[in-house]
């Protein structure tokens, strides 16, 4: 089960590159309910030959980690399967991560947050299913459709809490061969993030490289339990 639209195709590529053979492609995203998460997980696990499931999302979003966790665990239990041995990996960097981690931990499932890259998550999933580590020559594949971003991209770092999201997304992009030419956080010029120089303004990035990058990414953190509208969403979904 994979989420994040086009980014989910990148995750599928990662699984294949690590030596895995996905039995299906099931898209999950857009903050699904417990019932939808449960229903989709059941459809995946009912397929002939499928005994285990990997739950991964490629980008940080507002998808509720706790809700998806409840749904997938519910599907395992209703099918008479042990969640701990059925769910090989659960990697969703989204909202309510602490709550989701507690729910998964209760059933003996390790939660992988945004500190675990897509590439690492795919490798772990393949190793658990096959019982062997990925081939040593495995490397990320770049899709032709992403050339416009990978060739010369600008990653925009936002101040405050947004920085954490930008740092992790920078690593994700670099893992898959994207070319990040600079990050922007006011007051942080002169620093580096995973080898990428940081500037105070976008104008400085342009001046440094002598030309404008062909793309920009602005990272925004998911809602936290302290966000008023997030609490209302939780009440409505519970």
Protein backbone atom coordinates (compact mmCIF):
# COMPACT_ATOMS: atom_id res chain seq x y z
CA UNK A 1 0.00 0.00 0.00
CA UNK A 2 1.62 3.20 -1.15
CA UNK A 3 0.58 6.85 -0.92
CA UNK A 4 1.48 10.23 -2.44
CA UNK A 5 0.37 10.13 -6.06
CA UNK A 6 3.25 10.28 -8.52
CA UNK A 7 5.70 9.88 -5.66
CA UNK A 8 4.28 6.42 -5.06
CA UNK A 9 5.64 5.35 -8.45
CA UNK A 10 9.09 6.31 -7.18
CA UNK A 11 8.57 4.04 -4.18
CA UNK A 12 7.52 1.20 -6.48
CA UNK A 13 10.73 1.76 -8.47
CA UNK A 14 12.70 1.68 -5.22
CA UNK A 15 11.24 -1.70 -4.27
CA UNK A 16 12.10 -3.12 -7.70
CA UNK A 17 15.60 -1.65 -7.63
CA UNK A 18 16.20 -3.27 -4.23
CA UNK A 19 15.39 -6.67 -5.71
CA UNK A 20 11.75 -6.86 -4.68
CA UNK A 21 8.78 -7.83 -6.86
CA UNK A 22 5.62 -5.95 -5.85
CA UNK A 23 2.57 -8.21 -6.05
CA UNK A 24 0.27 -5.24 -6.55
CA UNK A 25 0.00 -1.48 -6.62
CA UNK A 26 -2.53 -0.04 -4.19
CA UNK A 27 -2.73 3.74 -3.82
CA UNK A 28 -3.58 5.13 -0.39
CA UNK A 29 -3.59 8.83 0.43
CA UNK A 30 -5.79 11.87 0.90
CA UNK A 31 -6.30 11.12 4.59
CA UNK A 32 -8.39 7.94 4.27
CA UNK A 33 -10.71 6.78 7.04
CA UNK A 34 -10.16 3.69 9.18
CA UNK A 35 -12.73 1.77 7.15
CA UNK A 36 -11.09 2.68 3.83
CA UNK A 37 -7.62 1.79 5.09
CA UNK A 38 -8.96 -1.49 6.42
CA UNK A 39 -10.82 -2.31 3.22
CA UNK A 40 -7.82 -1.64 1.00
CA UNK A 41 -5.48 -3.66 3.22
CA UNK A 42 -7.92 -6.58 3.06
CA UNK A 43 -8.02 -6.44 -0.73
CA UNK A 44 -4.22 -6.56 -0.85
CA UNK A 45 -3.89 -9.43 1.64
CA UNK A 46 -6.64 -11.50 0.01
CA UNK A 47 -4.75 -11.71 -3.24
CA UNK A 48 -3.41 -15.20 -4.01
CA UNK A 49 0.17 -15.57 -2.87
CA UNK A 50 0.24 -12.39 -0.77
CA UNK A 51 1.07 -13.09 2.85
CA UNK A 52 2.64 -9.81 4.00
CA UNK A 53 2.09 -6.14 3.38
CA UNK A 54 4.27 -3.00 3.28
CA UNK A 55 2.63 0.32 4.12
CA UNK A 56 4.65 3.28 2.85
CA UNK A 57 4.15 6.90 1.87
CA UNK A 58 6.74 8.83 -0.06
CA UNK A 59 6.20 12.37 1.21
CA UNK A 60 5.21 14.23 4.36
CA UNK A 61 1.51 15.06 4.20
CA UNK A 62 -1.54 15.61 6.40
CA UNK A 63 -2.44 11.92 6.27
CA UNK A 64 -3.22 10.74 9.80
CA UNK A 65 -0.71 8.06 10.77
CA UNK A 66 -2.91 6.81 13.63
CA UNK A 67 -5.95 6.34 11.39
CA UNK A 68 -4.07 4.35 8.72
CA UNK A 69 -2.42 2.27 11.46
CA UNK A 70 -5.79 1.41 12.99
CA UNK A 71 -7.18 0.46 9.58
CA UNK A 72 -4.32 -1.82 8.53
CA UNK A 73 -4.13 -3.50 11.93
CA UNK A 74 -7.91 -3.99 11.89
CA UNK A 75 -7.65 -5.69 8.49
CA UNK A 76 -4.99 -8.10 9.78
CA UNK A 77 -7.01 -9.03 12.84
CA UNK A 78 -10.24 -9.56 10.90
CA UNK A 79 -8.40 -11.85 8.48
CA UNK A 80 -6.95 -13.84 11.36
CA UNK A 81 -3.40 -12.64 10.77
CA UNK A 82 -0.83 -11.45 13.29
CA UNK A 83 -0.18 -7.73 12.59
CA UNK A 84 3.44 -7.92 13.75
CA UNK A 85 4.37 -10.65 11.27
CA UNK A 86 2.08 -9.45 8.46
CA UNK A 87 3.07 -5.77 8.30
CA UNK A 88 6.72 -5.80 7.17
CA UNK A 89 7.11 -2.04 7.35
CA UNK A 90 4.99 0.98 8.21
CA UNK A 91 6.54 4.19 6.91
CA UNK A 92 4.17 7.17 6.74
CA UNK A 93 5.57 10.64 7.53
CA UNK A 94 2.36 12.51 8.33
CA UNK A 95 0.21 13.95 11.10
CA UNK A 96 -0.34 12.35 14.52
CA UNK A 97 2.89 10.38 14.25
CA UNK A 98 3.26 9.88 18.03
CA UNK A 99 -0.24 8.46 18.32
CA UNK A 100 0.32 6.18 15.34
CA UNK A 101 3.62 4.96 16.74
CA UNK A 102 1.96 4.03 20.05
CA UNK A 103 -0.79 2.07 18.28
CA UNK A 104 1.73 0.19 16.13
CA UNK A 105 3.99 -0.46 19.11
CA UNK A 106 1.11 -2.05 21.00
CA UNK A 107 1.01 -4.77 18.32
CA UNK A 108 4.78 -5.13 18.02
CA UNK A 109 5.13 -3.16 14.78
CA UNK A 110 8.05 -0.78 14.32
CA UNK A 111 7.11 2.66 13.03
CA UNK A 112 9.46 4.30 10.53
CA UNK A 113 9.14 8.07 10.54
CA UNK A 114 10.54 10.67 8.13
CA UNK A 115 14.09 9.96 9.31
CA UNK A 116 13.94 6.72 7.27
CA UNK A 117 14.24 7.53 3.58
CA UNK A 118 12.09 5.95 0.87
CA UNK A 119 15.12 4.04 -0.37
CA UNK A 120 15.87 2.69 3.10
CA UNK A 121 12.22 1.77 3.68
CA UNK A 122 12.04 -0.15 0.41
CA UNK A 123 15.24 -2.01 1.27
CA UNK A 124 13.95 -3.00 4.70
CA UNK A 125 10.67 -4.23 3.25
CA UNK A 126 12.43 -6.39 0.65
CA UNK A 127 14.85 -7.81 3.23
CA UNK A 128 12.05 -8.79 5.61
CA UNK A 129 9.99 -10.46 2.89
CA UNK A 130 12.83 -12.28 1.15
CA UNK A 131 14.99 -12.88 4.20
CA UNK A 132 18.06 -11.57 2.40
CA UNK A 133 19.53 -8.05 2.09
CA UNK A 134 19.14 -6.12 -1.20
CA UNK A 135 21.82 -6.73 -3.85
CA UNK A 136 25.00 -4.70 -3.20
CA UNK A 137 24.80 -3.03 -6.61
CA UNK A 138 21.25 -1.76 -6.02
CA UNK A 139 20.90 1.93 -6.72
CA UNK A 140 18.00 4.39 -7.09
CA UNK A 141 16.44 4.75 -10.55
CA UNK A 142 15.44 8.12 -11.96
CA UNK A 143 12.24 8.36 -13.98
CA UNK A 144 12.37 10.19 -17.32
CA UNK A 145 9.42 12.29 -16.29
CA UNK A 146 11.40 13.84 -13.43
CA UNK A 147 14.29 15.08 -15.56
CA UNK A 148 13.03 18.69 -15.47
CA UNK A 149 13.38 18.70 -11.69
CA UNK A 150 16.37 16.40 -11.32
CA UNK A 151 18.55 18.31 -13.76
CA UNK A 152 18.69 21.59 -11.93
CA UNK A 153 16.38 22.07 -8.96
CA UNK A 154 16.12 24.57 -6.15
CA UNK A 155 15.02 23.33 -2.75
CA UNK A 156 13.49 26.05 -0.58
CA UNK A 157 14.00 25.68 3.15
CA UNK A 158 11.48 27.49 5.32
CA UNK A 159 12.34 28.78 8.83
CA UNK A 160 11.03 27.34 12.09
CA UNK A 161 9.43 23.90 12.11
CA UNK A 162 9.43 23.80 8.32
CA UNK A 163 13.19 23.23 8.34
CA UNK A 164 12.91 19.63 9.52
CA UNK A 165 10.65 18.73 6.62
CA UNK A 166 12.98 20.42 4.14
CA UNK A 167 16.06 18.63 5.48
CA UNK A 168 14.44 15.20 5.14
CA UNK A 169 12.99 15.95 1.72
CA UNK A 170 16.42 17.12 0.55
CA UNK A 171 17.90 13.77 1.51
CA UNK A 172 15.04 11.93 -0.23
CA UNK A 173 15.68 13.85 -3.45
CA UNK A 174 19.43 13.28 -3.31
CA UNK A 175 18.90 9.56 -2.69
CA UNK A 176 17.02 9.34 -5.99
CA UNK A 177 19.55 11.29 -8.02
CA UNK A 178 17.89 14.71 -8.06
CA UNK A 179 20.19 17.70 -8.38
CA UNK A 180 19.55 20.21 -5.59
CA UNK A 181 21.46 23.46 -6.14
CA UNK A 182 20.54 25.34 -2.97
CA UNK A 183 18.30 25.81 0.02
CA UNK A 184 16.86 29.00 1.47
CA UNK A 185 16.40 29.87 5.14
CA UNK A 186 16.80 33.53 6.19
CA UNK A 187 19.77 33.97 8.50
CA UNK A 188 21.32 30.58 7.71
CA UNK A 189 23.57 31.52 4.77
CA UNK A 190 26.87 29.65 4.74
CA UNK A 191 25.54 26.41 6.19
CA UNK A 192 25.05 23.13 4.36
CA UNK A 193 22.36 20.45 4.49
CA UNK A 194 23.51 17.05 3.19
CA UNK A 195 26.14 18.90 1.16
CA UNK A 196 23.66 21.41 -0.29
CA UNK A 197 24.54 25.08 0.38
CA UNK A 198 22.02 27.24 2.23
CA UNK A 199 21.33 30.90 1.36
CA UNK A 200 19.33 33.74 2.86
CA UNK A 201 17.31 34.47 -0.29
CA UNK A 202 16.43 32.91 -3.64
CA UNK A 203 18.20 35.85 -5.31
CA UNK A 204 21.47 34.75 -3.69
CA UNK A 205 21.03 31.26 -5.13
CA UNK A 206 20.62 32.72 -8.62
CA UNK A 207 23.66 34.98 -8.19
CA UNK A 208 25.77 32.09 -6.90
CA UNK A 209 24.99 29.78 -9.84
CA UNK A 210 24.77 32.46 -12.51
CA UNK A 211 21.32 31.37 -13.70
CA UNK A 212 17.89 30.64 -12.31
CA UNK A 213 17.03 27.06 -11.30
CA UNK A 214 14.17 25.46 -13.18
CA UNK A 215 12.12 24.45 -10.17
CA UNK A 216 11.43 25.19 -6.52
CA UNK A 217 9.95 23.23 -3.62
CA UNK A 218 8.37 24.81 -0.56
CA UNK A 219 7.98 22.42 2.38
CA UNK A 220 5.08 22.72 4.80
CA UNK A 221 4.79 20.64 8.00
CA UNK A 222 1.74 18.45 8.69
CA UNK A 223 -0.79 19.60 11.32
CA UNK A 224 0.01 18.77 14.93
CA UNK A 225 -2.36 17.80 17.75
CA UNK A 226 -2.13 21.41 18.95
CA UNK A 227 -3.61 22.74 15.73
CA UNK A 228 -7.26 23.76 16.44
CA UNK A 229 -8.64 22.53 13.11
CA UNK A 230 -6.65 19.29 13.49
CA UNK A 231 -8.41 18.60 16.80
CA UNK A 232 -11.77 19.17 15.12
CA UNK A 233 -10.76 16.73 12.38
CA UNK A 234 -9.84 14.13 14.97
CA UNK A 235 -13.21 14.51 16.71
CA UNK A 236 -15.06 14.15 13.42
CA UNK A 237 -13.04 11.08 12.41
CA UNK A 238 -13.17 9.20 15.71
